[in-house]
Amino acid sequence: MPEAIDLATVAEQNLVKCEERWGPLPKRPPFDALFPDGQRFPRRFLVDFSTFHDENENPRVRVMYKGKPFGNELTDNVTVHVPA
């Protein structure tokens, strides 16, 4: 099983890097702060990522939240052209 990546640590390290490069980040409310409760993202949540291969053996990632698909499946955005 691949090593788990702590997303909070990655985010914190990225914020430090950004602040070192461009200065302090501006304070902003969450983008969905003015939306009704049922249309806001939870402020903290866990998602599961699972990797699989499609019918053409291309890698894909499925994101699940509470056991249900969360958005579209992800690809590596690489297009491979095979000569006919």
C-alpha atoms as a PDB file:
ATOM      1  CA  MET A   1       0.000   0.000   0.000  1.00  0.00           C
ATOM      2  CA  PRO A   2       1.378   3.460  -0.884  1.00  0.00           C
ATOM      3  CA  GLU A   3       2.438   5.740   1.937  1.00  0.00           C
ATOM      4  CA  ALA A   4      -0.330   8.050   3.155  1.00  0.00           C
ATOM      5  CA  ILE A   5       0.098  11.738   2.394  1.00  0.00           C
ATOM      6  CA  ASP A   6      -1.122  14.205   4.989  1.00  0.00           C
ATOM      7  CA  LEU A   7      -2.876  16.847   2.908  1.00  0.00           C
ATOM      8  CA  ALA A   8      -2.848  19.344   5.795  1.00  0.00           C
ATOM      9  CA  THR A   9       0.961  19.138   5.958  1.00  0.00           C
ATOM     10  CA  VAL A  10       1.246  19.572   2.188  1.00  0.00           C
ATOM     11  CA  ALA A  11      -1.082  22.604   2.312  1.00  0.00           C
ATOM     12  CA  GLU A  12       0.841  24.179   5.219  1.00  0.00           C
ATOM     13  CA  GLN A  13       4.178  23.704   3.440  1.00  0.00           C
ATOM     14  CA  ASN A  14       2.724  25.218   0.272  1.00  0.00           C
ATOM     15  CA  LEU A  15       1.431  28.260   2.179  1.00  0.00           C
ATOM     16  CA  VAL A  16       4.884  28.801   3.695  1.00  0.00           C
ATOM     17  CA  LYS A  17       6.469  28.575   0.235  1.00  0.00           C
ATOM     18  CA  CYS A  18       3.948  31.049  -1.221  1.00  0.00           C
ATOM     19  CA  GLU A  19       4.439  33.511   1.623  1.00  0.00           C
ATOM     20  CA  GLU A  20       8.231  33.326   1.238  1.00  0.00           C
ATOM     21  CA  ARG A  21       7.882  34.044  -2.468  1.00  0.00           C
ATOM     22  CA  TRP A  22       5.064  36.646  -2.578  1.00  0.00           C
ATOM     23  CA  GLY A  23       4.573  37.878   0.988  1.00  0.00           C
ATOM     24  CA  PRO A  24       1.665  37.287   3.378  1.00  0.00           C
ATOM     25  CA  LEU A  25      -1.534  35.951   1.870  1.00  0.00           C
ATOM     26  CA  PRO A  26      -4.604  38.200   2.144  1.00  0.00           C
ATOM     27  CA  LYS A  27      -7.294  37.203   4.644  1.00  0.00           C
ATOM     28  CA  ARG A  28     -10.486  36.241   2.808  1.00  0.00           C
ATOM     29  CA  PRO A  29     -13.736  34.590   3.839  1.00  0.00           C
ATOM     30  CA  PRO A  30     -14.399  31.144   2.345  1.00  0.00           C
ATOM     31  CA  PHE A  31     -15.616  31.467  -1.256  1.00  0.00           C
ATOM     32  CA  ASP A  32     -18.942  29.861  -0.330  1.00  0.00           C
ATOM     33  CA  ALA A  33     -19.513  31.796   2.917  1.00  0.00           C
ATOM     34  CA  LEU A  34     -22.647  33.541   1.603  1.00  0.00           C
ATOM     35  CA  PHE A  35     -24.249  30.379   0.190  1.00  0.00           C
ATOM     36  CA  PRO A  36     -27.028  28.531   2.049  1.00  0.00           C
ATOM     37  CA  ASP A  37     -25.821  25.812   4.470  1.00  0.00           C
ATOM     38  CA  GLY A  38     -26.744  22.973   2.095  1.00  0.00           C
ATOM     39  CA  GLN A  39     -24.580  24.480  -0.669  1.00  0.00           C
ATOM     40  CA  ARG A  40     -21.350  24.988   1.294  1.00  0.00           C
ATOM     41  CA  PHE A  41     -18.428  22.634   1.558  1.00  0.00           C
ATOM     42  CA  PRO A  42     -17.791  21.340   5.065  1.00  0.00           C
ATOM     43  CA  ARG A  43     -14.828  23.209   6.554  1.00  0.00           C
ATOM     44  CA  ARG A  44     -13.171  19.863   7.367  1.00  0.00           C
ATOM     45  CA  PHE A  45     -13.788  16.552   5.619  1.00  0.00           C
ATOM     46  CA  LEU A  46     -12.048  13.374   4.523  1.00  0.00           C
ATOM     47  CA  VAL A  47     -12.011  11.953   1.005  1.00  0.00           C
ATOM     48  CA  ASP A  48     -10.693   8.629  -0.264  1.00  0.00           C
ATOM     49  CA  PHE A  49      -8.590   8.397  -3.432  1.00  0.00           C
ATOM     50  CA  SER A  50      -8.444   5.093  -5.304  1.00  0.00           C
ATOM     51  CA  THR A  51      -6.339   4.441  -8.376  1.00  0.00           C
ATOM     52  CA  PHE A  52      -7.436   2.070 -11.127  1.00  0.00           C
ATOM     53  CA  HIS A  53      -6.909   1.541 -14.863  1.00  0.00           C
ATOM     54  CA  ASP A  54      -9.582   2.128 -17.487  1.00  0.00           C
ATOM     55  CA  GLU A  55     -10.363  -0.157 -20.429  1.00  0.00           C
ATOM     56  CA  ASN A  56      -7.276   1.194 -22.268  1.00  0.00           C
ATOM     57  CA  GLU A  57      -5.028   0.597 -19.233  1.00  0.00           C
ATOM     58  CA  ASN A  58      -4.736   4.361 -18.577  1.00  0.00           C
ATOM     59  CA  PRO A  59      -4.450   5.239 -14.879  1.00  0.00           C
ATOM     60  CA  ARG A  60      -7.407   7.038 -13.316  1.00  0.00           C
ATOM     61  CA  VAL A  61      -8.235   8.209  -9.817  1.00  0.00           C
ATOM     62  CA  ARG A  62     -11.677   8.035  -8.247  1.00  0.00           C
ATOM     63  CA  VAL A  63     -12.415  10.418  -5.349  1.00  0.00           C
ATOM     64  CA  MET A  64     -15.033   9.297  -2.812  1.00  0.00           C
ATOM     65  CA  TYR A  65     -16.710  11.268  -0.021  1.00  0.00           C
ATOM     66  CA  LYS A  66     -18.745   9.305   2.511  1.00  0.00           C
ATOM     67  CA  GLY A  67     -18.714   6.322   0.141  1.00  0.00           C
ATOM     68  CA  LYS A  68     -20.086   8.263  -2.853  1.00  0.00           C
ATOM     69  CA  PRO A  69     -18.272   9.646  -5.924  1.00  0.00           C
ATOM     70  CA  PHE A  70     -17.014  13.202  -5.383  1.00  0.00           C
ATOM     71  CA  GLY A  71     -16.620  14.916  -8.744  1.00  0.00           C
ATOM     72  CA  ASN A  72     -15.367  13.355 -11.941  1.00  0.00           C
ATOM     73  CA  GLU A  73     -12.667  10.713 -12.148  1.00  0.00           C
ATOM     74  CA  LEU A  74      -9.202  12.205 -12.555  1.00  0.00           C
ATOM     75  CA  THR A  75      -6.625  11.426 -15.243  1.00  0.00           C
ATOM     76  CA  ASP A  76      -3.035  12.540 -15.692  1.00  0.00           C
ATOM     77  CA  ASN A  77      -4.112  14.714 -18.669  1.00  0.00           C
ATOM     78  CA  VAL A  78      -1.697  12.942 -20.997  1.00  0.00           C
ATOM     79  CA  THR A  79      -2.886  12.128 -24.505  1.00  0.00           C
ATOM     80  CA  VAL A  80      -1.084   9.290 -26.191  1.00  0.00           C
ATOM     81  CA  HIS A  81      -1.426   9.032 -29.957  1.00  0.00           C
ATOM     82  CA  VAL A  82      -0.849   5.527 -31.259  1.00  0.00           C
ATOM     83  CA  PRO A  83      -0.128   5.319 -35.002  1.00  0.00           C
ATOM     84  CA  ALA A  84      -2.782   3.367 -36.891  1.00  0.00           C
END
